[in-house]
Amino acid sequence: MECVMCKSKTFYTASEVGSRGHFDLLPGTGFFSHAHFTQRICTECGFVHWFVDGDNLEKLSQSDYYRRETLE
């Protein structure tokens, strides 16, 4: 993996980062459950890469908040 901003391959990684508190970082994936993420922060430029866990990734196709797009 490389950073999409600066192409560095060195990151700080945090697994099981949850959306807790007053902010719903992944709306539409369940009212009583919180989404979990993996964060990778580039050590060179600080850009944060967020990765949704597999269970919540599947729920996005059913959510009214998101639409699937193919970007060129």
Protein backbone atom coordinates (compact mmCIF):
# COMPACT_ATOMS: atom_id res chain seq x y z
CA MET A 1 0.00 0.00 0.00
CA GLU A 2 1.13 3.53 -0.63
CA CYS A 3 -0.25 6.90 0.37
CA VAL A 4 -2.59 8.34 -2.25
CA MET A 5 -1.22 11.83 -1.60
CA CYS A 6 2.58 11.46 -1.42
CA LYS A 7 3.25 7.79 -2.38
CA SER A 8 5.00 7.01 0.93
CA LYS A 9 4.80 3.39 2.11
CA THR A 10 5.23 4.07 5.83
CA PHE A 11 2.18 4.41 8.09
CA TYR A 12 1.00 4.48 11.66
CA THR A 13 -1.84 1.94 11.93
CA ALA A 14 -4.70 1.70 14.42
CA SER A 15 -7.11 -1.21 14.18
CA GLU A 16 -10.59 -1.40 15.65
CA VAL A 17 -11.13 2.34 15.68
CA GLY A 18 -14.81 2.81 16.54
CA SER A 19 -17.30 5.57 15.89
CA ARG A 20 -18.40 6.36 19.41
CA GLY A 21 -19.96 9.36 21.02
CA HIS A 22 -22.12 11.93 19.28
CA PHE A 23 -20.89 11.36 15.72
CA ASP A 24 -22.11 8.63 13.42
CA LEU A 25 -19.17 8.24 11.05
CA LEU A 26 -20.95 5.64 8.95
CA PRO A 27 -24.69 6.39 8.91
CA GLY A 28 -27.03 3.75 7.63
CA THR A 29 -25.18 0.73 9.03
CA GLY A 30 -27.31 0.23 12.12
CA PHE A 31 -28.88 2.39 14.79
CA PHE A 32 -27.58 0.54 17.84
CA SER A 33 -24.21 -0.54 16.50
CA HIS A 34 -21.11 1.52 15.87
CA ALA A 35 -18.97 1.11 12.79
CA HIS A 36 -15.40 -0.07 13.19
CA PHE A 37 -12.50 1.11 11.08
CA THR A 38 -8.82 0.65 10.52
CA GLN A 39 -6.89 3.89 10.23
CA ARG A 40 -3.58 4.27 8.47
CA ILE A 41 -1.87 7.62 8.86
CA CYS A 42 0.95 8.48 6.50
CA THR A 43 4.18 9.20 8.38
CA GLU A 44 5.33 11.60 5.67
CA CYS A 45 2.33 13.85 4.94
CA GLY A 46 -0.22 12.93 7.66
CA PHE A 47 -2.98 11.92 5.27
CA VAL A 48 -5.45 9.59 7.03
CA HIS A 49 -6.69 6.52 5.17
CA TRP A 50 -9.92 5.04 6.63
CA PHE A 51 -10.93 1.44 5.97
CA VAL A 52 -14.38 0.14 6.96
CA ASP A 53 -14.58 -3.34 8.46
CA GLY A 54 -16.13 -6.12 6.36
CA ASP A 55 -19.49 -6.31 8.16
CA ASN A 56 -20.19 -2.61 7.71
CA LEU A 57 -18.88 -2.60 4.15
CA GLU A 58 -21.61 -5.09 3.24
CA LYS A 59 -24.29 -2.92 4.90
CA LEU A 60 -23.44 0.07 2.69
CA SER A 61 -25.15 -1.51 -0.32
CA GLN A 62 -28.43 -1.49 1.65
CA SER A 63 -28.01 2.05 3.02
CA ASP A 64 -29.94 5.08 1.77
CA TYR A 65 -26.96 7.30 2.63
CA TYR A 66 -24.54 5.93 0.04
CA ARG A 67 -24.58 5.20 -3.66
CA ARG A 68 -22.06 3.10 -5.51
CA GLU A 69 -20.02 4.94 -8.15
CA THR A 70 -17.15 4.07 -10.43
CA LEU A 71 -14.76 7.02 -10.66
CA GLU A 72 -12.32 7.47 -13.49
